[in-house]
Amino acid sequence: MSDFDDSRPIDLTAEGGSASGNGHDAGDGAIHADTRAGRPIRKDERIVGERGLYVESWLPERRSRRKPLYLLHGELGGSWLWHHFLGYFAPRGWEGHALNLRGHYWSETADFGEIDFSTYLADVIAATEVLPRPPIVIGHGLGGLLAMRLSQARPISALILISPALPAQLLDPPPAHMVRLLPRQYRRELLGWDGPIETLQRQNPDLTSADVMRIQHMMGAESGAARRQMLEGIEVDLDQMADAPRLVIGGGLDRSFSDADSHRLAEWLGADYMSFSDHSHYGLVTGEQGYERVADAIRNFIESHRL
């Protein structure tokens, strides 16, 4: 298991912006299942044994015909990043499967010095074998880049990218020192997430102090080679990508991948685009005060395509 584990989510029972292809702006305590959808849920796990991968699954109590969600985290992340989304969608009839990449959260420990982007991509592809049907793939940050590459390799039902890393075709060359000085393994300090809670909250005003503390605590280690490849550029072949509905979501307060870059990616992909002007990189998915607006927008997009 990875070295920044949290307790596994227990079995839960819950009681019960508008998307635009033109890029319209969508707006100005404890992690638990959404209690307003009115349907009980159950928690499960899927193991990809030969790769040491743990997939955290939150499921409707009754089998659903809706397409499953396949959630891919980014740098220093894990399935913990998606707990709000898992708790939102499962009571509404969508099963959610959040992958932990090798060495992350509940997946087995790994030597990050021996891991690169291709390792992660192989993990992402391998874990699709535990899914019942072609999924709706949702990727965040580096997970968005993995999601785009997955769509070249496997059938999917839809592609949703939240504050995603850009493919090589849209990247400017990174500063040489930024690449040269990358260690083989890094932690939150490299991304500026080791500061005081008050400072990080000022930088990410849509996050509560509890959000910031949880993110800080849960961030583990990461592969320097994977980040180097992301910065230098991973090619995405538009012609090879699955012909499926696409949505890109950006955050106006995003300090990792800018709203403008997310908009450029949407245009390049021919995707719908939605901007949340008052959301940060992590606030889009795990911020207690703002995740629900993003989840609502994703649900509207999914329902509009009858998925």
C-alpha atoms as a PDB file:
ATOM      1  CA  MET A   1       0.000   0.000   0.000  1.00  0.00           C
ATOM      2  CA  SER A   2       1.106   3.616  -0.551  1.00  0.00           C
ATOM      3  CA  ASP A   3       2.563   5.560   2.360  1.00  0.00           C
ATOM      4  CA  PHE A   4      -0.089   8.278   2.628  1.00  0.00           C
ATOM      5  CA  ASP A   5      -3.060   6.020   3.314  1.00  0.00           C
ATOM      6  CA  ASP A   6      -6.294   7.223   4.797  1.00  0.00           C
ATOM      7  CA  SER A   7      -8.781   4.803   6.282  1.00  0.00           C
ATOM      8  CA  ARG A   8     -10.735   2.990   3.597  1.00  0.00           C
ATOM      9  CA  PRO A   9     -14.207   4.352   2.962  1.00  0.00           C
ATOM     10  CA  ILE A  10     -16.706   2.342   4.978  1.00  0.00           C
ATOM     11  CA  ASP A  11     -19.881   0.881   3.513  1.00  0.00           C
ATOM     12  CA  LEU A  12     -22.362   3.700   3.208  1.00  0.00           C
ATOM     13  CA  THR A  13     -26.097   4.021   2.931  1.00  0.00           C
ATOM     14  CA  ALA A  14     -27.469   7.362   1.868  1.00  0.00           C
ATOM     15  CA  GLU A  15     -31.079   8.398   2.134  1.00  0.00           C
ATOM     16  CA  GLY A  16     -32.286   9.564  -0.019  1.00  0.00           C
ATOM     17  CA  GLY A  17     -23.815  25.718 -14.595  1.00  0.00           C
ATOM     18  CA  SER A  18     -24.941  24.902 -17.906  1.00  0.00           C
ATOM     19  CA  ALA A  19     -22.614  23.303 -20.466  1.00  0.00           C
ATOM     20  CA  SER A  20     -21.901  25.123 -23.672  1.00  0.00           C
ATOM     21  CA  GLY A  21     -19.897  24.366 -26.746  1.00  0.00           C
ATOM     22  CA  ASN A  22     -19.159  28.107 -26.836  1.00  0.00           C
ATOM     23  CA  GLY A  23     -17.406  28.154 -23.478  1.00  0.00           C
ATOM     24  CA  HIS A  24     -19.932  30.055 -21.353  1.00  0.00           C
ATOM     25  CA  ASP A  25     -18.929  30.749 -17.749  1.00  0.00           C
ATOM     26  CA  ALA A  26     -20.748  28.551 -15.227  1.00  0.00           C
ATOM     27  CA  GLY A  27     -20.615  30.740 -12.185  1.00  0.00           C
ATOM     28  CA  ASP A  28     -19.066  33.051 -10.090  1.00  0.00           C
ATOM     29  CA  GLY A  29     -17.054  18.689   6.757  1.00  0.00           C
ATOM     30  CA  ALA A  30     -16.663  15.376   6.185  1.00  0.00           C
ATOM     31  CA  ILE A  31     -16.800  13.427   2.956  1.00  0.00           C
ATOM     32  CA  HIS A  32     -19.989  11.437   2.701  1.00  0.00           C
ATOM     33  CA  ALA A  33     -22.503  10.143   0.207  1.00  0.00           C
ATOM     34  CA  ASP A  34     -24.981  12.668  -1.156  1.00  0.00           C
ATOM     35  CA  THR A  35     -28.085  12.445   1.024  1.00  0.00           C
ATOM     36  CA  ARG A  36     -30.585  14.098  -1.296  1.00  0.00           C
ATOM     37  CA  ALA A  37     -30.793  11.619  -4.149  1.00  0.00           C
ATOM     38  CA  GLY A  38     -32.940   9.185  -2.170  1.00  0.00           C
ATOM     39  CA  ARG A  39     -31.239   5.927  -3.155  1.00  0.00           C
ATOM     40  CA  PRO A  40     -29.036   3.712  -0.989  1.00  0.00           C
ATOM     41  CA  ILE A  41     -25.549   2.852  -2.175  1.00  0.00           C
ATOM     42  CA  ARG A  42     -22.908   0.268  -1.370  1.00  0.00           C
ATOM     43  CA  LYS A  43     -19.140   0.291  -1.498  1.00  0.00           C
ATOM     44  CA  ASP A  44     -17.063  -2.324  -3.285  1.00  0.00           C
ATOM     45  CA  GLU A  45     -13.503  -2.779  -4.472  1.00  0.00           C
ATOM     46  CA  ARG A  46     -11.885  -4.234  -7.558  1.00  0.00           C
ATOM     47  CA  ILE A  47      -8.325  -5.504  -7.563  1.00  0.00           C
ATOM     48  CA  VAL A  48      -6.082  -5.798 -10.622  1.00  0.00           C
ATOM     49  CA  GLY A  49      -3.834  -8.293  -8.903  1.00  0.00           C
ATOM     50  CA  GLU A  50      -1.018  -8.699 -11.378  1.00  0.00           C
ATOM     51  CA  ARG A  51      -0.409  -4.923 -11.336  1.00  0.00           C
ATOM     52  CA  GLY A  52      -1.136  -4.287  -7.658  1.00  0.00           C
ATOM     53  CA  LEU A  53      -3.933  -1.823  -8.436  1.00  0.00           C
ATOM     54  CA  TYR A  54      -6.881  -0.989  -6.197  1.00  0.00           C
ATOM     55  CA  VAL A  55     -10.089   0.358  -7.738  1.00  0.00           C
ATOM     56  CA  GLU A  56     -12.507   1.960  -5.298  1.00  0.00           C
ATOM     57  CA  SER A  57     -16.111   1.468  -6.397  1.00  0.00           C
ATOM     58  CA  TRP A  58     -19.277   3.098  -5.094  1.00  0.00           C
ATOM     59  CA  LEU A  59     -22.389   1.449  -6.521  1.00  0.00           C
ATOM     60  CA  PRO A  60     -26.152   1.939  -6.528  1.00  0.00           C
ATOM     61  CA  GLU A  61     -27.809  -0.692  -4.379  1.00  0.00           C
ATOM     62  CA  ARG A  62     -29.726  -1.900  -7.429  1.00  0.00           C
ATOM     63  CA  ARG A  63     -28.093  -2.658 -10.756  1.00  0.00           C
ATOM     64  CA  SER A  64     -28.381   0.214 -13.211  1.00  0.00           C
ATOM     65  CA  ARG A  65     -28.273   0.425 -16.990  1.00  0.00           C
ATOM     66  CA  ARG A  66     -26.403   3.705 -16.843  1.00  0.00           C
ATOM     67  CA  LYS A  67     -22.859   3.750 -18.157  1.00  0.00           C
ATOM     68  CA  PRO A  68     -20.227   3.307 -15.429  1.00  0.00           C
ATOM     69  CA  LEU A  69     -17.937   6.178 -14.474  1.00  0.00           C
ATOM     70  CA  TYR A  70     -14.185   5.557 -14.610  1.00  0.00           C
ATOM     71  CA  LEU A  71     -12.329   8.216 -12.631  1.00  0.00           C
ATOM     72  CA  LEU A  72      -8.614   8.935 -13.147  1.00  0.00           C
ATOM     73  CA  HIS A  73      -6.690  11.084 -10.687  1.00  0.00           C
ATOM     74  CA  GLY A  74      -3.651  13.210 -11.443  1.00  0.00           C
ATOM     75  CA  GLU A  75      -0.318  13.896  -9.757  1.00  0.00           C
ATOM     76  CA  LEU A  76      -0.010  12.935  -6.064  1.00  0.00           C
ATOM     77  CA  GLY A  77      -3.639  11.859  -6.119  1.00  0.00           C
ATOM     78  CA  GLY A  78      -5.732   8.777  -5.495  1.00  0.00           C
ATOM     79  CA  SER A  79      -9.310   7.641  -5.300  1.00  0.00           C
ATOM     80  CA  TRP A  80      -9.677   9.885  -2.221  1.00  0.00           C
ATOM     81  CA  LEU A  81      -9.823  12.807  -4.651  1.00  0.00           C
ATOM     82  CA  TRP A  82     -13.141  11.515  -6.018  1.00  0.00           C
ATOM     83  CA  HIS A  83     -15.046  10.763  -2.802  1.00  0.00           C
ATOM     84  CA  HIS A  84     -17.461  13.681  -3.284  1.00  0.00           C
ATOM     85  CA  PHE A  85     -18.148  12.636  -6.874  1.00  0.00           C
ATOM     86  CA  LEU A  86     -18.549   8.972  -5.950  1.00  0.00           C
ATOM     87  CA  GLY A  87     -21.003   9.936  -3.229  1.00  0.00           C
ATOM     88  CA  TYR A  88     -22.889  12.223  -5.596  1.00  0.00           C
ATOM     89  CA  PHE A  89     -23.335   9.878  -8.556  1.00  0.00           C
ATOM     90  CA  ALA A  90     -23.948   6.481  -6.922  1.00  0.00           C
ATOM     91  CA  PRO A  91     -27.264   7.447  -5.254  1.00  0.00           C
ATOM     92  CA  ARG A  92     -28.380   8.793  -8.627  1.00  0.00           C
ATOM     93  CA  GLY A  93     -27.829   5.494 -10.411  1.00  0.00           C
ATOM     94  CA  TRP A  94     -24.250   5.703 -11.757  1.00  0.00           C
ATOM     95  CA  GLU A  95     -21.651   3.287 -10.482  1.00  0.00           C
ATOM     96  CA  GLY A  96     -18.297   4.974 -10.025  1.00  0.00           C
ATOM     97  CA  HIS A  97     -14.913   3.247 -10.225  1.00  0.00           C
ATOM     98  CA  ALA A  98     -11.940   5.356  -9.065  1.00  0.00           C
ATOM     99  CA  LEU A  99      -8.556   3.910  -9.993  1.00  0.00           C
ATOM    100  CA  ASN A 100      -5.499   4.300  -7.791  1.00  0.00           C
ATOM    101  CA  LEU A 101      -2.465   4.377 -10.045  1.00  0.00           C
ATOM    102  CA  ARG A 102       0.527   2.278  -9.102  1.00  0.00           C
ATOM    103  CA  GLY A 103       2.009   3.387  -5.790  1.00  0.00           C
ATOM    104  CA  HIS A 104      -0.925   5.689  -4.968  1.00  0.00           C
ATOM    105  CA  TYR A 105      -3.296   5.522  -1.979  1.00  0.00           C
ATOM    106  CA  TRP A 106      -4.523   1.904  -1.614  1.00  0.00           C
ATOM    107  CA  SER A 107      -2.638   0.420  -4.555  1.00  0.00           C
ATOM    108  CA  GLU A 108       0.569  -1.439  -3.738  1.00  0.00           C
ATOM    109  CA  THR A 109       3.722   0.520  -3.050  1.00  0.00           C
ATOM    110  CA  ALA A 110       6.099   1.034  -5.961  1.00  0.00           C
ATOM    111  CA  ASP A 111       9.489   2.536  -6.773  1.00  0.00           C
ATOM    112  CA  PHE A 112       8.542   5.861  -8.366  1.00  0.00           C
ATOM    113  CA  GLY A 113      12.020   6.071  -9.831  1.00  0.00           C
ATOM    114  CA  GLU A 114      11.093   3.142 -12.076  1.00  0.00           C
ATOM    115  CA  ILE A 115       7.695   4.496 -13.169  1.00  0.00           C
ATOM    116  CA  ASP A 116       6.840   6.772 -16.102  1.00  0.00           C
ATOM    117  CA  PHE A 117       3.778   7.853 -18.067  1.00  0.00           C
ATOM    118  CA  SER A 118       3.682   4.613 -20.061  1.00  0.00           C
ATOM    119  CA  THR A 119       3.488   2.646 -16.783  1.00  0.00           C
ATOM    120  CA  TYR A 120       0.483   4.670 -15.682  1.00  0.00           C
ATOM    121  CA  LEU A 121      -1.189   4.339 -19.068  1.00  0.00           C
ATOM    122  CA  ALA A 122      -0.760   0.558 -18.946  1.00  0.00           C
ATOM    123  CA  ASP A 123      -2.360   0.608 -15.471  1.00  0.00           C
ATOM    124  CA  VAL A 124      -5.301   2.654 -16.737  1.00  0.00           C
ATOM    125  CA  ILE A 125      -5.869   0.318 -19.679  1.00  0.00           C
ATOM    126  CA  ALA A 126      -5.515  -2.838 -17.578  1.00  0.00           C
ATOM    127  CA  ALA A 127      -8.041  -1.663 -14.988  1.00  0.00           C
ATOM    128  CA  THR A 128     -10.761  -1.236 -17.636  1.00  0.00           C
ATOM    129  CA  GLU A 129     -11.057  -5.018 -17.574  1.00  0.00           C
ATOM    130  CA  VAL A 130     -12.914  -4.796 -14.254  1.00  0.00           C
ATOM    131  CA  LEU A 131     -15.580  -2.476 -15.719  1.00  0.00           C
ATOM    132  CA  PRO A 132     -18.875  -3.951 -16.928  1.00  0.00           C
ATOM    133  CA  ARG A 133     -19.316  -1.737 -20.020  1.00  0.00           C
ATOM    134  CA  PRO A 134     -17.445   0.960 -21.952  1.00  0.00           C
ATOM    135  CA  PRO A 135     -17.195   3.730 -19.344  1.00  0.00           C
ATOM    136  CA  ILE A 136     -17.666   7.448 -19.103  1.00  0.00           C
ATOM    137  CA  VAL A 137     -14.049   8.411 -18.462  1.00  0.00           C
ATOM    138  CA  ILE A 138     -13.398  11.380 -16.162  1.00  0.00           C
ATOM    139  CA  GLY A 139      -9.814  12.597 -15.781  1.00  0.00           C
ATOM    140  CA  HIS A 140      -8.311  15.354 -13.613  1.00  0.00           C
ATOM    141  CA  GLY A 141      -4.941  16.991 -14.316  1.00  0.00           C
ATOM    142  CA  LEU A 142      -2.493  14.326 -15.465  1.00  0.00           C
ATOM    143  CA  GLY A 143      -5.464  11.952 -15.320  1.00  0.00           C
ATOM    144  CA  GLY A 144      -7.014  13.960 -18.168  1.00  0.00           C
ATOM    145  CA  LEU A 145      -4.019  13.222 -20.358  1.00  0.00           C
ATOM    146  CA  LEU A 146      -4.265   9.539 -19.412  1.00  0.00           C
ATOM    147  CA  ALA A 147      -7.977   9.643 -20.264  1.00  0.00           C
ATOM    148  CA  MET A 148      -7.278  11.016 -23.741  1.00  0.00           C
ATOM    149  CA  ARG A 149      -4.720   8.302 -24.395  1.00  0.00           C
ATOM    150  CA  LEU A 150      -7.096   5.643 -23.027  1.00  0.00           C
ATOM    151  CA  SER A 151      -9.677   6.772 -25.575  1.00  0.00           C
ATOM    152  CA  GLN A 152      -7.206   5.815 -28.304  1.00  0.00           C
ATOM    153  CA  ALA A 153      -6.863   2.291 -26.929  1.00  0.00           C
ATOM    154  CA  ARG A 154     -10.294   1.218 -25.642  1.00  0.00           C
ATOM    155  CA  PRO A 155     -13.974   1.884 -26.413  1.00  0.00           C
ATOM    156  CA  ILE A 156     -15.459   4.539 -24.135  1.00  0.00           C
ATOM    157  CA  SER A 157     -18.926   6.079 -23.807  1.00  0.00           C
ATOM    158  CA  ALA A 158     -17.854   9.683 -23.117  1.00  0.00           C
ATOM    159  CA  LEU A 159     -14.741  11.689 -22.253  1.00  0.00           C
ATOM    160  CA  ILE A 160     -14.840  14.343 -19.499  1.00  0.00           C
ATOM    161  CA  LEU A 161     -11.651  16.261 -18.728  1.00  0.00           C
ATOM    162  CA  ILE A 162     -11.406  18.442 -15.612  1.00  0.00           C
ATOM    163  CA  SER A 163      -8.525  20.920 -15.556  1.00  0.00           C
ATOM    164  CA  PRO A 164      -6.514  18.530 -17.748  1.00  0.00           C
ATOM    165  CA  ALA A 165      -2.861  18.484 -18.698  1.00  0.00           C
ATOM    166  CA  LEU A 166      -2.377  19.470 -22.336  1.00  0.00           C
ATOM    167  CA  PRO A 167      -1.160  17.135 -25.070  1.00  0.00           C
ATOM    168  CA  ALA A 168       2.096  17.818 -26.887  1.00  0.00           C
ATOM    169  CA  GLN A 169       0.308  19.450 -29.827  1.00  0.00           C
ATOM    170  CA  LEU A 170      -0.821  22.369 -27.619  1.00  0.00           C
ATOM    171  CA  LEU A 171       2.254  22.778 -25.412  1.00  0.00           C
ATOM    172  CA  ASP A 172       4.971  25.383 -25.532  1.00  0.00           C
ATOM    173  CA  PRO A 173       8.464  24.032 -24.767  1.00  0.00           C
ATOM    174  CA  PRO A 174       8.982  24.043 -20.973  1.00  0.00           C
ATOM    175  CA  PRO A 175      11.867  25.992 -19.414  1.00  0.00           C
ATOM    176  CA  ALA A 176      14.929  23.757 -19.566  1.00  0.00           C
ATOM    177  CA  HIS A 177      15.707  24.140 -15.865  1.00  0.00           C
ATOM    178  CA  MET A 178      12.169  23.040 -14.924  1.00  0.00           C
ATOM    179  CA  VAL A 179      12.762  19.703 -16.630  1.00  0.00           C
ATOM    180  CA  ARG A 180      16.434  19.315 -15.762  1.00  0.00           C
ATOM    181  CA  LEU A 181      15.930  19.767 -12.026  1.00  0.00           C
ATOM    182  CA  LEU A 182      13.077  17.288 -11.655  1.00  0.00           C
ATOM    183  CA  PRO A 183      13.956  14.514  -9.174  1.00  0.00           C
ATOM    184  CA  ARG A 184      13.224  10.852  -9.838  1.00  0.00           C
ATOM    185  CA  GLN A 185      10.538  11.062  -7.149  1.00  0.00           C
ATOM    186  CA  TYR A 186       8.828  14.142  -5.721  1.00  0.00           C
ATOM    187  CA  ARG A 187       6.189  15.138  -3.201  1.00  0.00           C
ATOM    188  CA  ARG A 188       3.838  18.038  -2.554  1.00  0.00           C
ATOM    189  CA  GLU A 189       6.686  20.531  -2.051  1.00  0.00           C
ATOM    190  CA  LEU A 190       7.346  20.554  -5.794  1.00  0.00           C
ATOM    191  CA  LEU A 191       3.773  21.688  -6.483  1.00  0.00           C
ATOM    192  CA  GLY A 192       3.773  24.343  -3.769  1.00  0.00           C
ATOM    193  CA  TRP A 193       1.465  22.441  -1.451  1.00  0.00           C
ATOM    194  CA  ASP A 194       3.755  22.322   1.599  1.00  0.00           C
ATOM    195  CA  GLY A 195       2.966  25.819   2.905  1.00  0.00           C
ATOM    196  CA  PRO A 196       0.853  26.957   5.853  1.00  0.00           C
ATOM    197  CA  ILE A 197      -2.872  26.195   5.667  1.00  0.00           C
ATOM    198  CA  GLU A 198      -3.724  29.912   5.683  1.00  0.00           C
ATOM    199  CA  THR A 199      -1.455  30.620   2.705  1.00  0.00           C
ATOM    200  CA  LEU A 200      -2.817  27.738   0.665  1.00  0.00           C
ATOM    201  CA  GLN A 201      -6.372  28.769   1.443  1.00  0.00           C
ATOM    202  CA  ARG A 202      -5.668  32.309   0.233  1.00  0.00           C
ATOM    203  CA  GLN A 203      -4.283  30.832  -2.996  1.00  0.00           C
ATOM    204  CA  ASN A 204      -7.329  28.544  -3.320  1.00  0.00           C
ATOM    205  CA  PRO A 205     -10.199  30.565  -1.829  1.00  0.00           C
ATOM    206  CA  ASP A 206     -12.850  28.048  -2.872  1.00  0.00           C
ATOM    207  CA  LEU A 207     -11.312  25.487  -0.481  1.00  0.00           C
ATOM    208  CA  THR A 208     -12.067  25.375   3.230  1.00  0.00           C
ATOM    209  CA  SER A 209      -9.262  24.901   5.737  1.00  0.00           C
ATOM    210  CA  ALA A 210     -10.498  21.314   6.167  1.00  0.00           C
ATOM    211  CA  ASP A 211     -10.221  20.797   2.391  1.00  0.00           C
ATOM    212  CA  VAL A 212      -6.661  22.122   2.372  1.00  0.00           C
ATOM    213  CA  MET A 213      -5.598  19.986   5.322  1.00  0.00           C
ATOM    214  CA  ARG A 214      -7.056  16.854   3.755  1.00  0.00           C
ATOM    215  CA  ILE A 215      -5.407  17.475   0.384  1.00  0.00           C
ATOM    216  CA  GLN A 216      -2.066  18.140   2.054  1.00  0.00           C
ATOM    217  CA  HIS A 217      -2.342  15.010   4.167  1.00  0.00           C
ATOM    218  CA  MET A 218      -3.396  12.739   1.310  1.00  0.00           C
ATOM    219  CA  MET A 219      -0.800  13.815  -1.247  1.00  0.00           C
ATOM    220  CA  GLY A 220       1.738  11.016  -1.506  1.00  0.00           C
ATOM    221  CA  ALA A 221       4.744  10.620  -3.799  1.00  0.00           C
ATOM    222  CA  GLU A 222       4.962  10.848  -7.569  1.00  0.00           C
ATOM    223  CA  SER A 223       7.100   9.823 -10.522  1.00  0.00           C
ATOM    224  CA  GLY A 224       9.508  12.481 -11.750  1.00  0.00           C
ATOM    225  CA  ALA A 225       9.741  10.757 -15.132  1.00  0.00           C
ATOM    226  CA  ALA A 226       5.962  10.934 -15.601  1.00  0.00           C
ATOM    227  CA  ARG A 227       5.953  14.675 -14.832  1.00  0.00           C
ATOM    228  CA  ARG A 228       8.910  15.251 -17.125  1.00  0.00           C
ATOM    229  CA  GLN A 229       7.098  13.514 -19.990  1.00  0.00           C
ATOM    230  CA  MET A 230       3.930  15.505 -19.262  1.00  0.00           C
ATOM    231  CA  LEU A 231       5.863  18.800 -19.362  1.00  0.00           C
ATOM    232  CA  GLU A 232       7.775  17.878 -22.520  1.00  0.00           C
ATOM    233  CA  GLY A 233       4.593  16.676 -24.207  1.00  0.00           C
ATOM    234  CA  ILE A 234       2.618  13.467 -24.666  1.00  0.00           C
ATOM    235  CA  GLU A 235       1.205  13.060 -28.164  1.00  0.00           C
ATOM    236  CA  VAL A 236      -2.548  12.512 -28.535  1.00  0.00           C
ATOM    237  CA  ASP A 237      -3.826  11.327 -31.932  1.00  0.00           C
ATOM    238  CA  LEU A 238      -7.245  12.854 -32.601  1.00  0.00           C
ATOM    239  CA  ASP A 239      -7.909  10.409 -35.411  1.00  0.00           C
ATOM    240  CA  GLN A 240      -7.387   7.460 -33.074  1.00  0.00           C
ATOM    241  CA  MET A 241      -9.609   8.733 -30.258  1.00  0.00           C
ATOM    242  CA  ALA A 242     -12.981   7.108 -29.686  1.00  0.00           C
ATOM    243  CA  ASP A 243     -15.919   8.854 -31.325  1.00  0.00           C
ATOM    244  CA  ALA A 244     -17.730   9.758 -28.111  1.00  0.00           C
ATOM    245  CA  PRO A 245     -19.205  12.895 -26.503  1.00  0.00           C
ATOM    246  CA  ARG A 246     -16.519  15.149 -25.000  1.00  0.00           C
ATOM    247  CA  LEU A 247     -16.598  17.793 -22.299  1.00  0.00           C
ATOM    248  CA  VAL A 248     -13.732  19.893 -20.930  1.00  0.00           C
ATOM    249  CA  ILE A 249     -14.065  21.797 -17.631  1.00  0.00           C
ATOM    250  CA  GLY A 250     -11.749  24.588 -16.528  1.00  0.00           C
ATOM    251  CA  GLY A 251     -11.337  26.597 -13.340  1.00  0.00           C
ATOM    252  CA  GLY A 252     -10.819  30.339 -13.266  1.00  0.00           C
ATOM    253  CA  LEU A 253      -8.658  30.084 -10.127  1.00  0.00           C
ATOM    254  CA  ASP A 254      -6.653  27.110 -11.373  1.00  0.00           C
ATOM    255  CA  ARG A 255      -2.936  27.532 -10.651  1.00  0.00           C
ATOM    256  CA  SER A 256      -1.963  24.167 -12.216  1.00  0.00           C
ATOM    257  CA  PHE A 257      -3.642  24.145 -15.643  1.00  0.00           C
ATOM    258  CA  SER A 258      -5.183  27.428 -16.669  1.00  0.00           C
ATOM    259  CA  ASP A 259      -8.766  28.030 -17.692  1.00  0.00           C
ATOM    260  CA  ALA A 260      -7.508  29.448 -21.007  1.00  0.00           C
ATOM    261  CA  ASP A 261      -5.531  26.277 -21.725  1.00  0.00           C
ATOM    262  CA  SER A 262      -8.550  24.117 -20.909  1.00  0.00           C
ATOM    263  CA  HIS A 263     -10.609  26.194 -23.347  1.00  0.00           C
ATOM    264  CA  ARG A 264      -7.962  25.756 -26.065  1.00  0.00           C
ATOM    265  CA  LEU A 265      -8.017  22.011 -25.500  1.00  0.00           C
ATOM    266  CA  ALA A 266     -11.807  21.912 -25.817  1.00  0.00           C
ATOM    267  CA  GLU A 267     -11.616  23.685 -29.167  1.00  0.00           C
ATOM    268  CA  TRP A 268      -8.888  21.316 -30.367  1.00  0.00           C
ATOM    269  CA  LEU A 269     -10.927  18.276 -29.313  1.00  0.00           C
ATOM    270  CA  GLY A 270     -14.201  19.648 -30.678  1.00  0.00           C
ATOM    271  CA  ALA A 271     -15.589  19.268 -27.151  1.00  0.00           C
ATOM    272  CA  ASP A 272     -18.182  21.167 -25.151  1.00  0.00           C
ATOM    273  CA  TYR A 273     -16.534  23.572 -22.739  1.00  0.00           C
ATOM    274  CA  MET A 274     -17.517  24.824 -19.320  1.00  0.00           C
ATOM    275  CA  SER A 275     -15.679  27.294 -17.121  1.00  0.00           C
ATOM    276  CA  PHE A 276     -16.136  27.721 -13.370  1.00  0.00           C
ATOM    277  CA  SER A 277     -14.618  31.117 -12.731  1.00  0.00           C
ATOM    278  CA  ASP A 278     -14.424  30.773  -8.937  1.00  0.00           C
ATOM    279  CA  HIS A 279     -12.990  27.240  -8.767  1.00  0.00           C
ATOM    280  CA  SER A 280      -9.390  26.143  -8.234  1.00  0.00           C
ATOM    281  CA  HIS A 281      -7.683  22.989  -9.515  1.00  0.00           C
ATOM    282  CA  TYR A 282      -8.698  20.873  -6.534  1.00  0.00           C
ATOM    283  CA  GLY A 283     -11.818  22.849  -5.767  1.00  0.00           C
ATOM    284  CA  LEU A 284     -13.364  21.548  -9.003  1.00  0.00           C
ATOM    285  CA  VAL A 285     -13.420  17.976  -7.684  1.00  0.00           C
ATOM    286  CA  THR A 286     -12.871  17.855  -3.944  1.00  0.00           C
ATOM    287  CA  GLY A 287     -13.816  21.266  -2.579  1.00  0.00           C
ATOM    288  CA  GLU A 288     -16.649  20.907  -0.087  1.00  0.00           C
ATOM    289  CA  GLN A 289     -18.190  24.222  -1.142  1.00  0.00           C
ATOM    290  CA  GLY A 290     -17.976  23.874  -4.908  1.00  0.00           C
ATOM    291  CA  TYR A 291     -17.771  20.282  -6.139  1.00  0.00           C
ATOM    292  CA  GLU A 292     -21.553  19.901  -6.387  1.00  0.00           C
ATOM    293  CA  ARG A 293     -21.927  22.560  -9.086  1.00  0.00           C
ATOM    294  CA  VAL A 294     -19.332  20.740 -11.163  1.00  0.00           C
ATOM    295  CA  ALA A 295     -20.998  17.383 -10.525  1.00  0.00           C
ATOM    296  CA  ASP A 296     -24.374  18.862 -11.512  1.00  0.00           C
ATOM    297  CA  ALA A 297     -22.884  20.101 -14.786  1.00  0.00           C
ATOM    298  CA  ILE A 298     -21.352  16.706 -15.537  1.00  0.00           C
ATOM    299  CA  ARG A 299     -24.641  14.967 -14.758  1.00  0.00           C
ATOM    300  CA  ASN A 300     -26.507  17.337 -17.106  1.00  0.00           C
ATOM    301  CA  PHE A 301     -23.973  16.580 -19.850  1.00  0.00           C
ATOM    302  CA  ILE A 302     -24.252  12.829 -19.299  1.00  0.00           C
ATOM    303  CA  GLU A 303     -28.040  12.917 -19.237  1.00  0.00           C
ATOM    304  CA  SER A 304     -28.180  15.052 -22.366  1.00  0.00           C
ATOM    305  CA  HIS A 305     -26.385  12.198 -24.161  1.00  0.00           C
ATOM    306  CA  ARG A 306     -28.600   9.577 -22.494  1.00  0.00           C
ATOM    307  CA  LEU A 307     -25.686   7.847 -20.793  1.00  0.00           C
END
